[in-house]
Amino acid sequence: MTLTSLLQGFRSKPKPSGARVRVAVLGAGRMGSYHVGHLIKLANAELVGIVDADIARAKALARKYNVAAFNSPSEIIGHVQAAVIATPTHTHGSVGDHLLQEGIHCLIEKPLASTLEQAENLIRIAQEKQLILQVGHIERFNPAVMEAVKYIRAPQFIEVNRLGPYDPRVADIGVVMDLMIHDLDIVLFLVGEPVTRVEAFGAKVLSTHEDIAKVRLHFKNGCIADLSASRVSLQKYRRIRLFQKDAYLSLDYADSKLKVYRKKSPVVKSLLDIESISPALKKQDPLRAELVHFLDCIVTQRPPLVTGQHGRDAIALAQEVLANLKIHA
């Protein structure tokens, strides 16, 4: 199946059903508040409430949007059809298990779970219960990524750089699971081949985990991907470059920009033999697009663009990276 065909289901809009999906957001932190801000505005969503172990924080966010606040996932059972899980990573496995067992469709923020076993358990339950399990790999919904797919033909070399400032709220995991996992998912998606070898180097700078990592992935078809991730930068820098026969693509995640350079003739004698394309990208917020897609999948019962299996594969590759990571003392 080609990358373009994978996106056809996402791009084809279902007929409006008029149904509103009753949904709750679990986690009243930064990411949870972003989800709440979008869901409250969506016509096909009915935001039932916000759940957080810190009930004061849940109430503060709930008051802002005039919805209910809950202290435990158990309190929303029977009141919602779907849930967005934006709680700390170590809770994803248990919270997701609980809600899926109760027949609730789930969008779980990345990473899907802390371990492969937990991820596979969530996939199994969702399949048995015939529920939508979507993973919050938001870059899949970036307009630049979705447009780039049209031009990608068997990339030979990929270079990815994702840098940003340190956030103490995610000090319990390293930069691989915090930031690089986005790009691990993207390169798996774009290359579409298994990884045969992993080289990884990193360093601890601000936390007890790796804060900077550089990884080289070797794919079965010969493609090589170099990924750099750092949370020791003062500014955000998120770009990916892809090189393939006769073409080069440069993609800016942060600004949702894409440039394509390709040969106009078999032999390049000057820059005039290279065409530069800057596609006009549809303006859309990736998080909003992700949520709209999740709700549409519930209504139509079609599989999401980012399935539980995709989330599981990203975790498996991230764990392989960590297993091969050589930390500089």
Protein backbone atom coordinates (compact mmCIF):
# COMPACT_ATOMS: atom_id res chain seq x y z
CA MET A 1 0.00 0.00 0.00
CA THR A 2 1.40 3.42 -0.99
CA LEU A 3 1.70 6.38 1.37
CA THR A 4 -0.82 8.29 -0.73
CA SER A 5 -3.42 5.54 -0.43
CA LEU A 6 -2.90 5.44 3.34
CA LEU A 7 -3.95 9.07 3.50
CA GLN A 8 -6.98 8.77 1.22
CA GLY A 9 -9.23 7.65 4.06
CA PHE A 10 -8.14 10.63 6.13
CA ARG A 11 -8.72 13.13 3.33
CA SER A 12 -12.14 11.79 2.32
CA LYS A 13 -14.62 13.47 4.63
CA PRO A 14 -17.53 11.36 5.96
CA LYS A 15 -21.06 12.59 5.47
CA PRO A 16 -22.20 14.60 8.52
CA SER A 17 -24.33 12.39 10.74
CA GLY A 18 -25.46 15.06 13.17
CA ALA A 19 -24.29 12.82 16.02
CA ARG A 20 -22.24 14.32 18.81
CA VAL A 21 -19.69 12.09 20.47
CA ARG A 22 -19.66 12.37 24.27
CA VAL A 23 -16.02 12.68 25.27
CA ALA A 24 -13.90 13.36 28.36
CA VAL A 25 -10.30 14.52 28.64
CA LEU A 26 -8.10 12.79 31.19
CA GLY A 27 -5.27 14.99 32.37
CA ALA A 28 -5.63 18.70 33.14
CA GLY A 29 -2.02 19.58 32.38
CA ARG A 30 -0.67 21.48 29.40
CA MET A 31 -1.49 18.85 26.75
CA GLY A 32 -4.88 18.09 28.28
CA SER A 33 -5.81 21.77 28.27
CA TYR A 34 -4.95 21.98 24.55
CA HIS A 35 -7.28 19.07 23.81
CA VAL A 36 -10.06 20.63 25.88
CA GLY A 37 -9.67 23.97 24.07
CA HIS A 38 -10.25 22.29 20.70
CA LEU A 39 -12.93 19.80 21.71
CA ILE A 40 -15.18 22.47 23.23
CA LYS A 41 -15.37 24.12 19.79
CA LEU A 42 -16.03 21.01 17.67
CA ALA A 43 -19.63 20.63 16.50
CA ASN A 44 -19.52 16.82 16.62
CA ALA A 45 -18.11 16.65 20.15
CA GLU A 46 -19.87 17.03 23.48
CA LEU A 47 -17.24 17.60 26.15
CA VAL A 48 -18.64 15.90 29.23
CA GLY A 49 -15.84 16.68 31.62
CA ILE A 50 -12.20 16.73 32.68
CA VAL A 51 -10.53 14.10 34.85
CA ASP A 52 -7.40 14.60 36.93
CA ALA A 53 -5.99 13.02 40.09
CA ASP A 54 -5.49 16.61 41.28
CA ILE A 55 -9.16 17.55 41.56
CA ALA A 56 -8.35 21.21 42.18
CA ARG A 57 -6.54 21.39 38.85
CA ALA A 58 -9.41 19.57 37.12
CA LYS A 59 -11.94 21.99 38.60
CA ALA A 60 -9.89 25.04 37.59
CA LEU A 61 -9.83 23.94 33.95
CA ALA A 62 -13.45 22.73 34.03
CA ARG A 63 -14.69 26.10 35.33
CA LYS A 64 -13.05 27.85 32.39
CA TYR A 65 -15.16 25.84 29.95
CA ASN A 66 -18.25 25.28 32.11
CA VAL A 67 -17.96 21.48 32.20
CA ALA A 68 -17.78 18.92 35.00
CA ALA A 69 -14.62 17.91 36.86
CA PHE A 70 -13.84 14.36 37.99
CA ASN A 71 -11.18 12.86 40.22
CA SER A 72 -11.05 9.34 38.76
CA PRO A 73 -11.54 7.63 35.37
CA SER A 74 -14.16 5.40 37.04
CA GLU A 75 -16.43 8.42 37.47
CA ILE A 76 -16.93 8.89 33.72
CA ILE A 77 -17.92 5.27 33.00
CA GLY A 78 -21.43 5.23 31.52
CA HIS A 79 -21.31 8.95 30.72
CA VAL A 80 -18.96 9.05 27.71
CA GLN A 81 -18.35 7.22 24.45
CA ALA A 82 -14.77 8.38 24.04
CA ALA A 83 -11.80 9.66 25.99
CA VAL A 84 -8.60 11.54 25.30
CA ILE A 85 -5.86 10.29 27.62
CA ALA A 86 -3.28 13.01 28.26
CA THR A 87 -2.08 11.77 31.64
CA PRO A 88 1.60 11.02 32.48
CA THR A 89 3.11 8.29 30.29
CA HIS A 90 3.44 5.74 33.08
CA THR A 91 -0.37 5.78 33.54
CA HIS A 92 -1.31 5.22 29.87
CA GLY A 93 -1.27 1.44 30.11
CA SER A 94 -3.52 1.16 33.16
CA VAL A 95 -5.90 4.02 32.32
CA GLY A 96 -6.26 2.89 28.71
CA ASP A 97 -6.90 -0.70 29.82
CA HIS A 98 -9.62 0.43 32.23
CA LEU A 99 -11.48 2.60 29.72
CA LEU A 100 -11.21 0.21 26.78
CA GLN A 101 -12.51 -2.64 28.96
CA GLU A 102 -15.55 -0.45 29.63
CA GLY A 103 -16.19 0.03 25.89
CA ILE A 104 -14.80 3.56 25.58
CA HIS A 105 -12.96 4.64 22.40
CA CYS A 106 -9.54 6.10 23.24
CA LEU A 107 -7.11 8.60 21.81
CA ILE A 108 -3.94 8.14 23.86
CA GLU A 109 -1.17 10.70 23.76
CA LYS A 110 2.27 9.52 22.67
CA PRO A 111 3.93 7.33 23.67
CA LEU A 112 1.05 4.84 23.68
CA ALA A 113 2.40 3.13 26.82
CA SER A 114 5.51 2.66 28.93
CA THR A 115 6.21 -0.86 27.70
CA LEU A 116 5.60 -3.04 24.66
CA GLU A 117 3.54 -5.43 26.79
CA GLN A 118 1.19 -2.63 27.84
CA ALA A 119 0.90 -1.35 24.26
CA GLU A 120 0.08 -4.82 22.92
CA ASN A 121 -2.49 -5.30 25.67
CA LEU A 122 -4.26 -2.06 24.67
CA ILE A 123 -4.28 -3.14 21.01
CA ARG A 124 -5.73 -6.54 21.94
CA ILE A 125 -8.56 -5.07 24.02
CA ALA A 126 -9.45 -2.51 21.34
CA GLN A 127 -9.62 -5.26 18.72
CA GLU A 128 -11.72 -7.55 20.92
CA LYS A 129 -14.13 -4.75 21.80
CA GLN A 130 -14.10 -3.31 18.25
CA LEU A 131 -13.10 0.11 19.56
CA ILE A 132 -11.10 2.94 18.02
CA LEU A 133 -7.62 3.20 19.53
CA GLN A 134 -5.73 6.17 18.12
CA VAL A 135 -2.28 7.37 19.20
CA GLY A 136 -1.33 11.05 19.48
CA HIS A 137 1.56 11.15 17.03
CA ILE A 138 0.52 14.65 16.03
CA GLU A 139 3.16 15.20 13.32
CA ARG A 140 1.21 12.80 11.07
CA PHE A 141 -1.41 15.56 10.89
CA ASN A 142 1.08 18.31 10.09
CA PRO A 143 0.02 19.85 6.72
CA ALA A 144 3.64 19.81 5.52
CA VAL A 145 3.99 16.08 6.24
CA MET A 146 0.71 15.25 4.54
CA GLU A 147 1.66 17.25 1.45
CA ALA A 148 5.19 15.80 1.34
CA VAL A 149 3.75 12.30 0.96
CA LYS A 150 2.71 13.22 -2.59
CA TYR A 151 6.35 13.70 -3.58
CA ILE A 152 8.09 10.92 -1.67
CA ARG A 153 9.34 8.00 -3.76
CA ALA A 154 11.68 5.53 -2.02
CA PRO A 155 13.84 7.94 0.03
CA GLN A 156 17.51 6.96 0.19
CA PHE A 157 18.62 9.24 3.03
CA ILE A 158 16.66 11.13 5.69
CA GLU A 159 17.95 13.72 8.14
CA VAL A 160 15.81 14.83 11.07
CA ASN A 161 16.54 17.49 13.71
CA ARG A 162 14.23 18.17 16.65
CA LEU A 163 15.54 20.59 19.26
CA GLY A 164 13.76 22.40 22.06
CA PRO A 165 14.02 23.75 25.60
CA TYR A 166 14.02 21.49 28.66
CA ASP A 167 10.67 20.89 30.37
CA PRO A 168 10.97 19.60 33.96
CA ARG A 169 7.45 18.13 33.69
CA VAL A 170 8.82 15.31 31.52
CA ALA A 171 11.97 14.68 33.54
CA ASP A 172 10.80 11.10 34.18
CA ILE A 173 11.68 10.12 30.59
CA GLY A 174 14.59 10.91 28.29
CA VAL A 175 14.64 12.81 25.03
CA VAL A 176 14.14 9.63 22.97
CA MET A 177 10.69 8.90 24.44
CA ASP A 178 9.89 12.59 24.92
CA LEU A 179 10.78 14.13 21.55
CA MET A 180 12.47 11.68 19.18
CA ILE A 181 9.55 9.23 19.25
CA HIS A 182 7.64 11.65 16.97
CA ASP A 183 10.32 11.30 14.32
CA LEU A 184 10.76 7.56 14.80
CA ASP A 185 7.08 7.21 13.94
CA ILE A 186 7.41 9.55 10.93
CA VAL A 187 10.42 7.77 9.38
CA LEU A 188 8.78 4.36 9.86
CA PHE A 189 5.72 5.78 8.10
CA LEU A 190 7.66 7.38 5.23
CA VAL A 191 10.12 4.55 4.56
CA GLY A 192 7.68 1.68 5.05
CA GLU A 193 10.45 -0.87 5.59
CA PRO A 194 11.80 -2.66 8.68
CA VAL A 195 14.84 -1.34 10.52
CA THR A 196 17.82 -3.71 10.36
CA ARG A 197 20.39 -1.86 12.47
CA VAL A 198 20.45 0.93 15.06
CA GLU A 199 23.36 3.12 16.18
CA ALA A 200 22.73 5.57 19.00
CA PHE A 201 24.73 8.02 21.09
CA GLY A 202 23.62 10.43 23.78
CA ALA A 203 24.48 12.52 26.80
CA LYS A 204 22.92 13.55 30.10
CA VAL A 205 23.01 17.30 30.59
CA LEU A 206 20.05 18.50 32.67
CA SER A 207 18.38 15.34 33.96
CA THR A 208 19.11 11.75 34.98
CA HIS A 209 18.09 10.58 31.49
CA GLU A 210 19.54 11.30 28.07
CA ASP A 211 18.84 14.93 27.13
CA ILE A 212 20.48 14.79 23.73
CA ALA A 213 20.62 11.85 21.35
CA LYS A 214 21.87 11.15 17.85
CA VAL A 215 20.63 8.03 16.10
CA ARG A 216 21.30 6.32 12.78
CA LEU A 217 18.74 3.85 11.47
CA HIS A 218 19.49 1.37 8.68
CA PHE A 219 16.44 0.11 6.77
CA LYS A 220 16.04 -3.14 4.87
CA ASN A 221 15.79 -1.34 1.51
CA GLY A 222 19.09 0.49 2.09
CA CYS A 223 17.64 3.80 3.26
CA ILE A 224 19.50 5.46 6.12
CA ALA A 225 17.93 7.94 8.54
CA ASP A 226 19.93 10.19 10.86
CA LEU A 227 17.91 11.62 13.75
CA SER A 228 18.99 14.22 16.29
CA ALA A 229 16.93 15.19 19.32
CA SER A 230 17.85 17.65 22.04
CA ARG A 231 16.04 19.32 24.92
CA VAL A 232 19.06 21.49 25.73
CA SER A 233 18.25 24.15 23.15
CA LEU A 234 16.79 27.56 23.96
CA GLN A 235 14.79 27.63 20.73
CA LYS A 236 12.60 25.12 18.92
CA TYR A 237 13.98 23.76 15.67
CA ARG A 238 12.10 20.93 13.96
CA ARG A 239 13.03 19.97 10.43
CA ILE A 240 13.32 16.93 8.22
CA ARG A 241 15.13 16.57 4.90
CA LEU A 242 14.63 13.66 2.50
CA PHE A 243 16.88 12.73 -0.38
CA GLN A 244 15.74 10.40 -3.13
CA LYS A 245 16.56 9.75 -6.76
CA ASP A 246 16.19 13.02 -8.71
CA ALA A 247 14.69 14.98 -5.80
CA TYR A 248 15.24 16.56 -2.38
CA LEU A 249 12.53 17.62 0.08
CA SER A 250 12.95 20.07 2.95
CA LEU A 251 10.19 20.16 5.54
CA ASP A 252 9.78 22.53 8.47
CA TYR A 253 7.54 20.94 11.11
CA ALA A 254 7.22 24.07 13.24
CA ASP A 255 6.17 26.48 10.47
CA SER A 256 4.43 23.82 8.34
CA LYS A 257 6.49 24.65 5.25
CA LEU A 258 7.61 22.36 2.45
CA LYS A 259 10.07 22.86 -0.40
CA VAL A 260 10.72 20.32 -3.14
CA TYR A 261 13.74 20.46 -5.42
CA ARG A 262 13.90 18.09 -8.38
CA LYS A 263 15.73 17.61 -11.67
CA LYS A 264 14.10 18.87 -14.83
CA SER A 265 16.51 17.01 -17.10
CA PRO A 266 18.62 13.82 -16.80
CA VAL A 267 21.86 15.83 -16.53
CA VAL A 268 22.16 18.91 -14.34
CA LYS A 269 24.41 21.45 -16.08
CA SER A 270 23.27 24.47 -14.06
CA LEU A 271 20.72 25.53 -11.45
CA LEU A 272 18.32 26.12 -14.32
CA ASP A 273 18.03 22.34 -14.60
CA ILE A 274 16.52 22.16 -11.10
CA GLU A 275 12.95 23.20 -10.33
CA SER A 276 11.93 24.47 -6.93
CA ILE A 277 8.37 23.88 -5.71
CA SER A 278 6.80 25.46 -2.64
CA PRO A 279 3.36 23.82 -2.42
CA ALA A 280 0.52 25.89 -0.98
CA LEU A 281 -0.39 24.10 2.22
CA LYS A 282 -3.82 23.93 3.75
CA LYS A 283 -3.91 25.94 6.94
CA GLN A 284 -4.90 23.63 9.78
CA ASP A 285 -3.99 23.06 13.39
CA PRO A 286 -2.54 19.50 13.61
CA LEU A 287 -4.07 18.87 17.04
CA ARG A 288 -7.52 19.96 15.88
CA ALA A 289 -7.16 17.77 12.76
CA GLU A 290 -6.14 14.84 14.96
CA LEU A 291 -9.23 15.24 17.16
CA VAL A 292 -11.60 15.69 14.21
CA HIS A 293 -10.16 12.50 12.69
CA PHE A 294 -10.61 10.60 15.96
CA LEU A 295 -14.28 11.59 16.21
CA ASP A 296 -14.89 10.79 12.53
CA CYS A 297 -13.36 7.33 13.01
CA ILE A 298 -15.74 6.66 15.91
CA VAL A 299 -18.77 7.68 13.84
CA THR A 300 -17.72 5.81 10.68
CA GLN A 301 -15.88 2.92 12.39
CA ARG A 302 -12.96 3.23 10.01
CA PRO A 303 -9.40 2.68 11.28
CA PRO A 304 -7.47 5.80 12.29
CA LEU A 305 -4.45 7.13 10.43
CA VAL A 306 -2.33 6.41 13.53
CA THR A 307 -3.41 3.06 14.96
CA GLY A 308 -2.41 1.34 18.16
CA GLN A 309 -0.06 -0.82 16.08
CA HIS A 310 1.73 2.29 14.81
CA GLY A 311 2.10 3.48 18.40
CA ARG A 312 3.40 0.06 19.41
CA ASP A 313 5.96 0.04 16.56
CA ALA A 314 7.25 3.48 17.55
CA ILE A 315 7.74 2.27 21.13
CA ALA A 316 9.53 -0.87 19.92
CA LEU A 317 11.94 1.21 17.86
CA ALA A 318 12.44 3.71 20.69
CA GLN A 319 13.28 0.86 23.05
CA GLU A 320 15.76 -0.53 20.53
CA VAL A 321 17.35 2.92 20.33
CA LEU A 322 17.60 3.07 24.14
CA ALA A 323 19.06 -0.45 24.26
CA ASN A 324 21.78 0.64 21.83
CA LEU A 325 22.29 4.09 23.35
CA LYS A 326 25.85 4.76 24.42
CA ILE A 327 25.82 7.56 26.99
CA HIS A 328 28.87 9.80 27.16
CA ALA A 329 29.92 10.26 30.77
